[in-house]
Amino acid sequence: MKTTILLPAFLLTIISVLIGVLVYENVQWHRTWKGQEQFEISVFVQLYKNLDRGQLDEAKRRLGALVMYKSDYFEKQYGTDQGTKFTEVLAQAKDVRTAFKAMPPLK
């Protein structure tokens, strides 16, 4: 009799823990993406302000950093893209990355 009560209780406990872990992971994932979106919006606002003030070098530097970060992330996640329309864009991103690394440091 105890076995028929303990087994369902044990299984229910395991299921509850697994559901809790999944909910926690989902919340963490959403927080990460929200932070990423906030960062990108902040950078885009800074870029807009730089361009509005005529600070082209500052805007170019910020865009270069963004292109480098995003293209590196894309290649780590998905590998090099070949045989698609995006292949050319990724090649251009590599050119931007090279130009960004060659820029002199800010004063």
PDB file of N, CA and C in Angstrom:
ATOM      1  N   MET A   1       0.809  -1.198   0.000  1.00  0.00           N
ATOM      2  CA  MET A   1       0.000   0.000   0.000  1.00  0.00           C
ATOM      3  C   MET A   1       0.854   1.265   0.000  1.00  0.00           C
ATOM      4  N   LYS A   2       1.941   1.245   0.807  1.00  0.00           N
ATOM      5  CA  LYS A   2       2.812   2.413   0.847  1.00  0.00           C
ATOM      6  C   LYS A   2       3.468   2.659  -0.516  1.00  0.00           C
ATOM      7  N   THR A   3       3.781   1.614  -1.250  1.00  0.00           N
ATOM      8  CA  THR A   3       4.417   1.738  -2.556  1.00  0.00           C
ATOM      9  C   THR A   3       3.480   2.421  -3.538  1.00  0.00           C
ATOM     10  N   THR A   4       2.215   2.114  -3.486  1.00  0.00           N
ATOM     11  CA  THR A   4       1.269   2.730  -4.416  1.00  0.00           C
ATOM     12  C   THR A   4       1.071   4.202  -4.114  1.00  0.00           C
ATOM     13  N   ILE A   5       1.339   4.632  -2.921  1.00  0.00           N
ATOM     14  CA  ILE A   5       1.214   6.050  -2.565  1.00  0.00           C
ATOM     15  C   ILE A   5       2.549   6.767  -2.804  1.00  0.00           C
ATOM     16  N   LEU A   6       3.658   6.127  -2.470  1.00  0.00           N
ATOM     17  CA  LEU A   6       4.962   6.768  -2.586  1.00  0.00           C
ATOM     18  C   LEU A   6       5.403   6.969  -4.036  1.00  0.00           C
ATOM     19  N   LEU A   7       5.158   6.015  -4.879  1.00  0.00           N
ATOM     20  CA  LEU A   7       5.591   6.124  -6.272  1.00  0.00           C
ATOM     21  C   LEU A   7       4.938   7.304  -6.989  1.00  0.00           C
ATOM     22  N   PRO A   8       3.627   7.467  -6.948  1.00  0.00           N
ATOM     23  CA  PRO A   8       3.037   8.657  -7.591  1.00  0.00           C
ATOM     24  C   PRO A   8       3.505   9.970  -6.954  1.00  0.00           C
ATOM     25  N   ALA A   9       3.690   9.979  -5.641  1.00  0.00           N
ATOM     26  CA  ALA A   9       4.166  11.195  -4.971  1.00  0.00           C
ATOM     27  C   ALA A   9       5.589  11.525  -5.427  1.00  0.00           C
ATOM     28  N   PHE A  10       6.420  10.497  -5.544  1.00  0.00           N
ATOM     29  CA  PHE A  10       7.797  10.688  -6.005  1.00  0.00           C
ATOM     30  C   PHE A  10       7.821  11.200  -7.443  1.00  0.00           C
ATOM     31  N   LEU A  11       7.021  10.608  -8.300  1.00  0.00           N
ATOM     32  CA  LEU A  11       6.959  11.038  -9.698  1.00  0.00           C
ATOM     33  C   LEU A  11       6.425  12.463  -9.812  1.00  0.00           C
ATOM     34  N   LEU A  12       5.431  12.786  -9.009  1.00  0.00           N
ATOM     35  CA  LEU A  12       4.881  14.146  -9.015  1.00  0.00           C
ATOM     36  C   LEU A  12       5.933  15.162  -8.570  1.00  0.00           C
ATOM     37  N   THR A  13       6.736  14.791  -7.589  1.00  0.00           N
ATOM     38  CA  THR A  13       7.810  15.668  -7.124  1.00  0.00           C
ATOM     39  C   THR A  13       8.838  15.895  -8.226  1.00  0.00           C
ATOM     40  N   ILE A  14       9.235  14.833  -8.907  1.00  0.00           N
ATOM     41  CA  ILE A  14      10.208  14.961  -9.993  1.00  0.00           C
ATOM     42  C   ILE A  14       9.652  15.833 -11.121  1.00  0.00           C
ATOM     43  N   ILE A  15       8.402  15.617 -11.473  1.00  0.00           N
ATOM     44  CA  ILE A  15       7.775  16.429 -12.523  1.00  0.00           C
ATOM     45  C   ILE A  15       7.717  17.891 -12.105  1.00  0.00           C
ATOM     46  N   SER A  16       7.391  18.156 -10.856  1.00  0.00           N
ATOM     47  CA  SER A  16       7.323  19.544 -10.364  1.00  0.00           C
ATOM     48  C   SER A  16       8.678  20.216 -10.428  1.00  0.00           C
ATOM     49  N   VAL A  17       9.730  19.488 -10.030  1.00  0.00           N
ATOM     50  CA  VAL A  17      11.083  20.057 -10.081  1.00  0.00           C
ATOM     51  C   VAL A  17      11.476  20.351 -11.527  1.00  0.00           C
ATOM     52  N   LEU A  18      11.192  19.438 -12.432  1.00  0.00           N
ATOM     53  CA  LEU A  18      11.528  19.655 -13.843  1.00  0.00           C
ATOM     54  C   LEU A  18      10.783  20.850 -14.420  1.00  0.00           C
ATOM     55  N   ILE A  19       9.525  20.991 -14.088  1.00  0.00           N
ATOM     56  CA  ILE A  19       8.758  22.150 -14.563  1.00  0.00           C
ATOM     57  C   ILE A  19       9.344  23.436 -13.996  1.00  0.00           C
ATOM     58  N   GLY A  20       9.733  23.414 -12.732  1.00  0.00           N
ATOM     59  CA  GLY A  20      10.355  24.593 -12.126  1.00  0.00           C
ATOM     60  C   GLY A  20      11.648  24.979 -12.819  1.00  0.00           C
ATOM     61  N   VAL A  21      12.463  23.994 -13.150  1.00  0.00           N
ATOM     62  CA  VAL A  21      13.727  24.255 -13.844  1.00  0.00           C
ATOM     63  C   VAL A  21      13.462  24.837 -15.229  1.00  0.00           C
ATOM     64  N   LEU A  22      12.496  24.294 -15.940  1.00  0.00           N
ATOM     65  CA  LEU A  22      12.165  24.808 -17.275  1.00  0.00           C
ATOM     66  C   LEU A  22      11.657  26.245 -17.212  1.00  0.00           C
ATOM     67  N   VAL A  23      10.832  26.547 -16.244  1.00  0.00           N
ATOM     68  CA  VAL A  23      10.323  27.916 -16.087  1.00  0.00           C
ATOM     69  C   VAL A  23      11.471  28.855 -15.771  1.00  0.00           C
ATOM     70  N   TYR A  24      12.350  28.458 -14.874  1.00  0.00           N
ATOM     71  CA  TYR A  24      13.504  29.278 -14.517  1.00  0.00           C
ATOM     72  C   TYR A  24      14.375  29.561 -15.739  1.00  0.00           C
ATOM     73  N   GLU A  25      14.684  28.527 -16.511  1.00  0.00           N
ATOM     74  CA  GLU A  25      15.510  28.700 -17.711  1.00  0.00           C
ATOM     75  C   GLU A  25      14.834  29.624 -18.719  1.00  0.00           C
ATOM     76  N   ASN A  26      13.535  29.503 -18.866  1.00  0.00           N
ATOM     77  CA  ASN A  26      12.794  30.356 -19.789  1.00  0.00           C
ATOM     78  C   ASN A  26      12.865  31.819 -19.351  1.00  0.00           C
ATOM     79  N   VAL A  27      12.712  32.071 -18.067  1.00  0.00           N
ATOM     80  CA  VAL A  27      12.788  33.438 -17.545  1.00  0.00           C
ATOM     81  C   VAL A  27      14.193  34.002 -17.765  1.00  0.00           C
ATOM     82  N   GLN A  28      15.218  33.211 -17.491  1.00  0.00           N
ATOM     83  CA  GLN A  28      16.591  33.663 -17.696  1.00  0.00           C
ATOM     84  C   GLN A  28      16.857  33.986 -19.165  1.00  0.00           C
ATOM     85  N   TRP A  29      16.355  33.158 -20.061  1.00  0.00           N
ATOM     86  CA  TRP A  29      16.537  33.386 -21.491  1.00  0.00           C
ATOM     87  C   TRP A  29      15.894  34.706 -21.907  1.00  0.00           C
ATOM     88  N   HIS A  30      14.694  34.975 -21.420  1.00  0.00           N
ATOM     89  CA  HIS A  30      14.010  36.229 -21.766  1.00  0.00           C
ATOM     90  C   HIS A  30      14.754  37.432 -21.205  1.00  0.00           C
ATOM     91  N   ARG A  31      15.292  37.316 -20.003  1.00  0.00           N
ATOM     92  CA  ARG A  31      16.062  38.422 -19.423  1.00  0.00           C
ATOM     93  C   ARG A  31      17.305  38.714 -20.252  1.00  0.00           C
ATOM     94  N   THR A  32      17.968  37.661 -20.699  1.00  0.00           N
ATOM     95  CA  THR A  32      19.168  37.839 -21.514  1.00  0.00           C
ATOM     96  C   THR A  32      18.828  38.566 -22.806  1.00  0.00           C
ATOM     97  N   TRP A  33      17.794  38.139 -23.483  1.00  0.00           N
ATOM     98  CA  TRP A  33      17.416  38.784 -24.742  1.00  0.00           C
ATOM     99  C   TRP A  33      16.931  40.204 -24.514  1.00  0.00           C
ATOM    100  N   LYS A  34      16.249  40.452 -23.405  1.00  0.00           N
ATOM    101  CA  LYS A  34      15.803  41.812 -23.111  1.00  0.00           C
ATOM    102  C   LYS A  34      17.015  42.721 -22.913  1.00  0.00           C
ATOM    103  N   GLY A  35      18.015  42.239 -22.188  1.00  0.00           N
ATOM    104  CA  GLY A  35      19.235  43.018 -21.996  1.00  0.00           C
ATOM    105  C   GLY A  35      19.955  43.275 -23.301  1.00  0.00           C
ATOM    106  N   GLN A  36      19.987  42.282 -24.173  1.00  0.00           N
ATOM    107  CA  GLN A  36      20.623  42.454 -25.484  1.00  0.00           C
ATOM    108  C   GLN A  36      19.884  43.503 -26.304  1.00  0.00           C
ATOM    109  N   GLU A  37      18.574  43.464 -26.296  1.00  0.00           N
ATOM    110  CA  GLU A  37      17.783  44.449 -27.043  1.00  0.00           C
ATOM    111  C   GLU A  37      18.004  45.853 -26.476  1.00  0.00           C
ATOM    112  N   GLN A  38      18.052  45.969 -25.147  1.00  0.00           N
ATOM    113  CA  GLN A  38      18.290  47.279 -24.536  1.00  0.00           C
ATOM    114  C   GLN A  38      19.662  47.819 -24.930  1.00  0.00           C
ATOM    115  N   PHE A  39      20.666  46.950 -24.944  1.00  0.00           N
ATOM    116  CA  PHE A  39      22.008  47.360 -25.347  1.00  0.00           C
ATOM    117  C   PHE A  39      22.015  47.868 -26.784  1.00  0.00           C
ATOM    118  N   GLU A  40      21.377  47.115 -27.679  1.00  0.00           N
ATOM    119  CA  GLU A  40      21.370  47.514 -29.083  1.00  0.00           C
ATOM    120  C   GLU A  40      20.642  48.832 -29.287  1.00  0.00           C
ATOM    121  N   ILE A  41      19.521  49.028 -28.616  1.00  0.00           N
ATOM    122  CA  ILE A  41      18.793  50.293 -28.745  1.00  0.00           C
ATOM    123  C   ILE A  41      19.656  51.442 -28.234  1.00  0.00           C
ATOM    124  N   SER A  42      20.366  51.232 -27.123  1.00  0.00           N
ATOM    125  CA  SER A  42      21.248  52.279 -26.585  1.00  0.00           C
ATOM    126  C   SER A  42      22.342  52.645 -27.588  1.00  0.00           C
ATOM    127  N   VAL A  43      22.926  51.647 -28.215  1.00  0.00           N
ATOM    128  CA  VAL A  43      23.982  51.910 -29.193  1.00  0.00           C
ATOM    129  C   VAL A  43      23.415  52.630 -30.401  1.00  0.00           C
ATOM    130  N   PHE A  44      22.237  52.234 -30.850  1.00  0.00           N
ATOM    131  CA  PHE A  44      21.628  52.895 -32.001  1.00  0.00           C
ATOM    132  C   PHE A  44      21.292  54.351 -31.702  1.00  0.00           C
ATOM    133  N   VAL A  45      20.846  54.637 -30.494  1.00  0.00           N
ATOM    134  CA  VAL A  45      20.574  56.028 -30.106  1.00  0.00           C
ATOM    135  C   VAL A  45      21.873  56.822 -30.104  1.00  0.00           C
ATOM    136  N   GLN A  46      22.949  56.232 -29.570  1.00  0.00           N
ATOM    137  CA  GLN A  46      24.240  56.913 -29.581  1.00  0.00           C
ATOM    138  C   GLN A  46      24.715  57.166 -31.012  1.00  0.00           C
ATOM    139  N   LEU A  47      24.519  56.186 -31.880  1.00  0.00           N
ATOM    140  CA  LEU A  47      24.896  56.368 -33.283  1.00  0.00           C
ATOM    141  C   LEU A  47      24.123  57.516 -33.917  1.00  0.00           C
ATOM    142  N   TYR A  48      22.834  57.544 -33.670  1.00  0.00           N
ATOM    143  CA  TYR A  48      22.000  58.602 -34.232  1.00  0.00           C
ATOM    144  C   TYR A  48      22.489  59.964 -33.756  1.00  0.00           C
ATOM    145  N   LYS A  49      22.780  60.071 -32.460  1.00  0.00           N
ATOM    146  CA  LYS A  49      23.248  61.347 -31.916  1.00  0.00           C
ATOM    147  C   LYS A  49      24.596  61.733 -32.510  1.00  0.00           C
ATOM    148  N   ASN A  50      25.498  60.752 -32.672  1.00  0.00           N
ATOM    149  CA  ASN A  50      26.790  61.043 -33.299  1.00  0.00           C
ATOM    150  C   ASN A  50      26.609  61.566 -34.712  1.00  0.00           C
ATOM    151  N   LEU A  51      25.744  60.927 -35.473  1.00  0.00           N
ATOM    152  CA  LEU A  51      25.503  61.370 -36.848  1.00  0.00           C
ATOM    153  C   LEU A  51      24.822  62.727 -36.875  1.00  0.00           C
ATOM    154  N   ASP A  52      23.909  62.958 -35.944  1.00  0.00           N
ATOM    155  CA  ASP A  52      23.200  64.237 -35.881  1.00  0.00           C
ATOM    156  C   ASP A  52      24.167  65.383 -35.588  1.00  0.00           C
ATOM    157  N   ARG A  53      25.183  65.123 -34.783  1.00  0.00           N
ATOM    158  CA  ARG A  53      26.185  66.142 -34.451  1.00  0.00           C
ATOM    159  C   ARG A  53      27.304  66.212 -35.480  1.00  0.00           C
ATOM    160  N   GLY A  54      27.267  65.331 -36.467  1.00  0.00           N
ATOM    161  CA  GLY A  54      28.294  65.326 -37.499  1.00  0.00           C
ATOM    162  C   GLY A  54      29.568  64.597 -37.093  1.00  0.00           C
ATOM    163  N   GLN A  55      29.509  63.789 -36.052  1.00  0.00           N
ATOM    164  CA  GLN A  55      30.671  63.037 -35.577  1.00  0.00           C
ATOM    165  C   GLN A  55      30.736  61.699 -36.316  1.00  0.00           C
ATOM    166  N   LEU A  56      31.153  61.775 -37.562  1.00  0.00           N
ATOM    167  CA  LEU A  56      31.150  60.590 -38.413  1.00  0.00           C
ATOM    168  C   LEU A  56      32.147  59.533 -37.956  1.00  0.00           C
ATOM    169  N   ASP A  57      33.312  59.958 -37.467  1.00  0.00           N
ATOM    170  CA  ASP A  57      34.302  58.973 -37.020  1.00  0.00           C
ATOM    171  C   ASP A  57      33.791  58.184 -35.815  1.00  0.00           C
ATOM    172  N   GLU A  58      33.120  58.880 -34.896  1.00  0.00           N
ATOM    173  CA  GLU A  58      32.558  58.191 -33.726  1.00  0.00           C
ATOM    174  C   GLU A  58      31.483  57.194 -34.154  1.00  0.00           C
ATOM    175  N   ALA A  59      30.619  57.619 -35.064  1.00  0.00           N
ATOM    176  CA  ALA A  59      29.560  56.727 -35.541  1.00  0.00           C
ATOM    177  C   ALA A  59      30.151  55.524 -36.272  1.00  0.00           C
ATOM    178  N   LYS A  60      31.173  55.772 -37.072  1.00  0.00           N
ATOM    179  CA  LYS A  60      31.816  54.693 -37.815  1.00  0.00           C
ATOM    180  C   LYS A  60      32.464  53.693 -36.854  1.00  0.00           C
ATOM    181  N   ARG A  61      33.069  54.190 -35.804  1.00  0.00           N
ATOM    182  CA  ARG A  61      33.708  53.325 -34.811  1.00  0.00           C
ATOM    183  C   ARG A  61      32.656  52.454 -34.111  1.00  0.00           C
ATOM    184  N   ARG A  62      31.539  53.057 -33.712  1.00  0.00           N
ATOM    185  CA  ARG A  62      30.478  52.286 -33.037  1.00  0.00           C
ATOM    186  C   ARG A  62      29.879  51.233 -33.983  1.00  0.00           C
ATOM    187  N   LEU A  63      29.638  51.637 -35.207  1.00  0.00           N
ATOM    188  CA  LEU A  63      29.103  50.674 -36.172  1.00  0.00           C
ATOM    189  C   LEU A  63      30.097  49.549 -36.447  1.00  0.00           C
ATOM    190  N   GLY A  64      31.370  49.888 -36.526  1.00  0.00           N
ATOM    191  CA  GLY A  64      32.387  48.862 -36.728  1.00  0.00           C
ATOM    192  C   GLY A  64      32.411  47.855 -35.591  1.00  0.00           C
ATOM    193  N   ALA A  65      32.282  48.349 -34.370  1.00  0.00           N
ATOM    194  CA  ALA A  65      32.253  47.456 -33.207  1.00  0.00           C
ATOM    195  C   ALA A  65      31.015  46.558 -33.249  1.00  0.00           C
ATOM    196  N   LEU A  66      29.881  47.127 -33.626  1.00  0.00           N
ATOM    197  CA  LEU A  66      28.654  46.334 -33.716  1.00  0.00           C
ATOM    198  C   LEU A  66      28.755  45.259 -34.789  1.00  0.00           C
ATOM    199  N   VAL A  67      29.264  45.646 -35.944  1.00  0.00           N
ATOM    200  CA  VAL A  67      29.406  44.679 -37.040  1.00  0.00           C
ATOM    201  C   VAL A  67      30.365  43.560 -36.624  1.00  0.00           C
ATOM    202  N   MET A  68      31.456  43.920 -35.975  1.00  0.00           N
ATOM    203  CA  MET A  68      32.419  42.915 -35.545  1.00  0.00           C
ATOM    204  C   MET A  68      31.781  41.957 -34.536  1.00  0.00           C
ATOM    205  N   TYR A  69      31.097  42.507 -33.553  1.00  0.00           N
ATOM    206  CA  TYR A  69      30.475  41.677 -32.521  1.00  0.00           C
ATOM    207  C   TYR A  69      29.411  40.754 -33.120  1.00  0.00           C
ATOM    208  N   LYS A  70      28.525  41.329 -33.913  1.00  0.00           N
ATOM    209  CA  LYS A  70      27.415  40.549 -34.465  1.00  0.00           C
ATOM    210  C   LYS A  70      27.899  39.495 -35.456  1.00  0.00           C
ATOM    211  N   SER A  71      28.874  39.839 -36.307  1.00  0.00           N
ATOM    212  CA  SER A  71      29.347  38.855 -37.282  1.00  0.00           C
ATOM    213  C   SER A  71      30.137  37.738 -36.595  1.00  0.00           C
ATOM    214  N   ASP A  72      30.921  38.085 -35.573  1.00  0.00           N
ATOM    215  CA  ASP A  72      31.618  37.042 -34.811  1.00  0.00           C
ATOM    216  C   ASP A  72      30.621  36.099 -34.147  1.00  0.00           C
ATOM    217  N   TYR A  73      29.588  36.684 -33.548  1.00  0.00           N
ATOM    218  CA  TYR A  73      28.567  35.877 -32.881  1.00  0.00           C
ATOM    219  C   TYR A  73      27.852  34.964 -33.886  1.00  0.00           C
ATOM    220  N   PHE A  74      27.516  35.517 -35.054  1.00  0.00           N
ATOM    221  CA  PHE A  74      26.837  34.736 -36.078  1.00  0.00           C
ATOM    222  C   PHE A  74      27.693  33.541 -36.508  1.00  0.00           C
ATOM    223  N   GLU A  75      28.978  33.797 -36.746  1.00  0.00           N
ATOM    224  CA  GLU A  75      29.854  32.720 -37.194  1.00  0.00           C
ATOM    225  C   GLU A  75      30.060  31.660 -36.115  1.00  0.00           C
ATOM    226  N   LYS A  76      30.094  32.070 -34.852  1.00  0.00           N
ATOM    227  CA  LYS A  76      30.223  31.086 -33.764  1.00  0.00           C
ATOM    228  C   LYS A  76      28.964  30.244 -33.633  1.00  0.00           C
ATOM    229  N   GLN A  77      27.807  30.881 -33.816  1.00  0.00           N
ATOM    230  CA  GLN A  77      26.543  30.167 -33.661  1.00  0.00           C
ATOM    231  C   GLN A  77      26.221  29.278 -34.860  1.00  0.00           C
ATOM    232  N   TYR A  78      26.443  29.807 -36.072  1.00  0.00           N
ATOM    233  CA  TYR A  78      25.958  29.138 -37.276  1.00  0.00           C
ATOM    234  C   TYR A  78      27.050  28.730 -38.259  1.00  0.00           C
ATOM    235  N   GLY A  79      28.288  29.113 -37.974  1.00  0.00           N
ATOM    236  CA  GLY A  79      29.368  28.813 -38.912  1.00  0.00           C
ATOM    237  C   GLY A  79      29.366  29.813 -40.066  1.00  0.00           C
ATOM    238  N   THR A  80      30.267  29.598 -41.004  1.00  0.00           N
ATOM    239  CA  THR A  80      30.312  30.491 -42.159  1.00  0.00           C
ATOM    240  C   THR A  80      29.146  30.160 -43.089  1.00  0.00           C
ATOM    241  N   ASP A  81      28.534  31.177 -43.570  1.00  0.00           N
ATOM    242  CA  ASP A  81      27.377  31.021 -44.448  1.00  0.00           C
ATOM    243  C   ASP A  81      27.880  30.948 -45.889  1.00  0.00           C
ATOM    244  N   GLN A  82      27.552  29.888 -46.589  1.00  0.00           N
ATOM    245  CA  GLN A  82      28.038  29.731 -47.958  1.00  0.00           C
ATOM    246  C   GLN A  82      26.893  29.397 -48.898  1.00  0.00           C
ATOM    247  N   GLY A  83      26.953  29.983 -50.069  1.00  0.00           N
ATOM    248  CA  GLY A  83      25.978  29.668 -51.101  1.00  0.00           C
ATOM    249  C   GLY A  83      24.623  30.330 -50.926  1.00  0.00           C
ATOM    250  N   THR A  84      24.557  31.380 -50.128  1.00  0.00           N
ATOM    251  CA  THR A  84      23.293  32.099 -49.957  1.00  0.00           C
ATOM    252  C   THR A  84      23.508  33.579 -50.261  1.00  0.00           C
ATOM    253  N   LYS A  85      22.440  34.336 -50.234  1.00  0.00           N
ATOM    254  CA  LYS A  85      22.544  35.778 -50.461  1.00  0.00           C
ATOM    255  C   LYS A  85      23.303  36.458 -49.319  1.00  0.00           C
ATOM    256  N   PHE A  86      23.263  35.842 -48.129  1.00  0.00           N
ATOM    257  CA  PHE A  86      23.917  36.437 -46.960  1.00  0.00           C
ATOM    258  C   PHE A  86      25.437  36.257 -46.983  1.00  0.00           C
ATOM    259  N   THR A  87      25.934  35.380 -47.833  1.00  0.00           N
ATOM    260  CA  THR A  87      27.374  35.139 -47.914  1.00  0.00           C
ATOM    261  C   THR A  87      28.131  36.415 -48.233  1.00  0.00           C
ATOM    262  N   GLU A  88      27.611  37.200 -49.163  1.00  0.00           N
ATOM    263  CA  GLU A  88      28.263  38.458 -49.542  1.00  0.00           C
ATOM    264  C   GLU A  88      28.251  39.452 -48.390  1.00  0.00           C
ATOM    265  N   VAL A  89      27.152  39.515 -47.671  1.00  0.00           N
ATOM    266  CA  VAL A  89      27.059  40.428 -46.525  1.00  0.00           C
ATOM    267  C   VAL A  89      28.068  40.032 -45.452  1.00  0.00           C
ATOM    268  N   LEU A  90      28.204  38.740 -45.207  1.00  0.00           N
ATOM    269  CA  LEU A  90      29.163  38.264 -44.210  1.00  0.00           C
ATOM    270  C   LEU A  90      30.601  38.576 -44.641  1.00  0.00           C
ATOM    271  N   ALA A  91      30.877  38.501 -45.936  1.00  0.00           N
ATOM    272  CA  ALA A  91      32.203  38.868 -46.445  1.00  0.00           C
ATOM    273  C   ALA A  91      32.452  40.365 -46.242  1.00  0.00           C
ATOM    274  N   GLN A  92      31.426  41.181 -46.458  1.00  0.00           N
ATOM    275  CA  GLN A  92      31.554  42.621 -46.218  1.00  0.00           C
ATOM    276  C   GLN A  92      31.764  42.899 -44.740  1.00  0.00           C
ATOM    277  N   ALA A  93      31.111  42.120 -43.892  1.00  0.00           N
ATOM    278  CA  ALA A  93      31.290  42.281 -42.444  1.00  0.00           C
ATOM    279  C   ALA A  93      32.735  41.993 -42.049  1.00  0.00           C
ATOM    280  N   LYS A  94      33.357  41.021 -42.706  1.00  0.00           N
ATOM    281  CA  LYS A  94      34.764  40.727 -42.430  1.00  0.00           C
ATOM    282  C   LYS A  94      35.650  41.901 -42.839  1.00  0.00           C
ATOM    283  N   ASP A  95      35.314  42.554 -43.949  1.00  0.00           N
ATOM    284  CA  ASP A  95      36.061  43.743 -44.371  1.00  0.00           C
ATOM    285  C   ASP A  95      35.912  44.867 -43.352  1.00  0.00           C
ATOM    286  N   VAL A  96      34.692  45.054 -42.848  1.00  0.00           N
ATOM    287  CA  VAL A  96      34.442  46.082 -41.831  1.00  0.00           C
ATOM    288  C   VAL A  96      35.223  45.745 -40.561  1.00  0.00           C
ATOM    289  N   ARG A  97      35.232  44.472 -40.192  1.00  0.00           N
ATOM    290  CA  ARG A  97      35.970  44.030 -39.003  1.00  0.00           C
ATOM    291  C   ARG A  97      37.455  44.359 -39.140  1.00  0.00           C
ATOM    292  N   THR A  98      38.018  44.093 -40.312  1.00  0.00           N
ATOM    293  CA  THR A  98      39.433  44.392 -40.554  1.00  0.00           C
ATOM    294  C   THR A  98      39.689  45.887 -40.469  1.00  0.00           C
ATOM    295  N   ALA A  99      38.802  46.677 -41.060  1.00  0.00           N
ATOM    296  CA  ALA A  99      38.959  48.142 -41.017  1.00  0.00           C
ATOM    297  C   ALA A  99      38.805  48.661 -39.589  1.00  0.00           C
ATOM    298  N   PHE A 100      37.896  48.078 -38.825  1.00  0.00           N
ATOM    299  CA  PHE A 100      37.676  48.509 -37.444  1.00  0.00           C
ATOM    300  C   PHE A 100      38.914  48.229 -36.593  1.00  0.00           C
ATOM    301  N   LYS A 101      39.498  47.057 -36.791  1.00  0.00           N
ATOM    302  CA  LYS A 101      40.700  46.718 -36.001  1.00  0.00           C
ATOM    303  C   LYS A 101      41.884  47.612 -36.358  1.00  0.00           C
ATOM    304  N   ALA A 102      41.889  48.142 -37.576  1.00  0.00           N
ATOM    305  CA  ALA A 102      42.982  49.013 -38.014  1.00  0.00           C
ATOM    306  C   ALA A 102      42.795  50.457 -37.575  1.00  0.00           C
ATOM    307  N   MET A 103      41.619  50.809 -37.049  1.00  0.00           N
ATOM    308  CA  MET A 103      41.369  52.185 -36.623  1.00  0.00           C
ATOM    309  C   MET A 103      42.253  52.540 -35.437  1.00  0.00           C
ATOM    310  N   PRO A 104      42.740  53.783 -35.420  1.00  0.00           N
ATOM    311  CA  PRO A 104      43.550  54.200 -34.258  1.00  0.00           C
ATOM    312  C   PRO A 104      42.656  54.300 -33.014  1.00  0.00           C
ATOM    313  N   PRO A 105      43.241  54.097 -31.834  1.00  0.00           N
ATOM    314  CA  PRO A 105      42.433  54.183 -30.606  1.00  0.00           C
ATOM    315  C   PRO A 105      41.922  55.596 -30.384  1.00  0.00           C
ATOM    316  N   LEU A 106      40.853  55.707 -29.625  1.00  0.00           N
ATOM    317  CA  LEU A 106      40.293  57.012 -29.301  1.00  0.00           C
ATOM    318  C   LEU A 106      41.239  57.793 -28.409  1.00  0.00           C
ATOM    319  N   LYS A 107      41.199  59.090 -28.558  1.00  0.00           N
ATOM    320  CA  LYS A 107      42.065  59.962 -27.731  1.00  0.00           C
ATOM    321  C   LYS A 107      41.389  60.306 -26.440  1.00  0.00           C
TER     322      LYS A 107
END
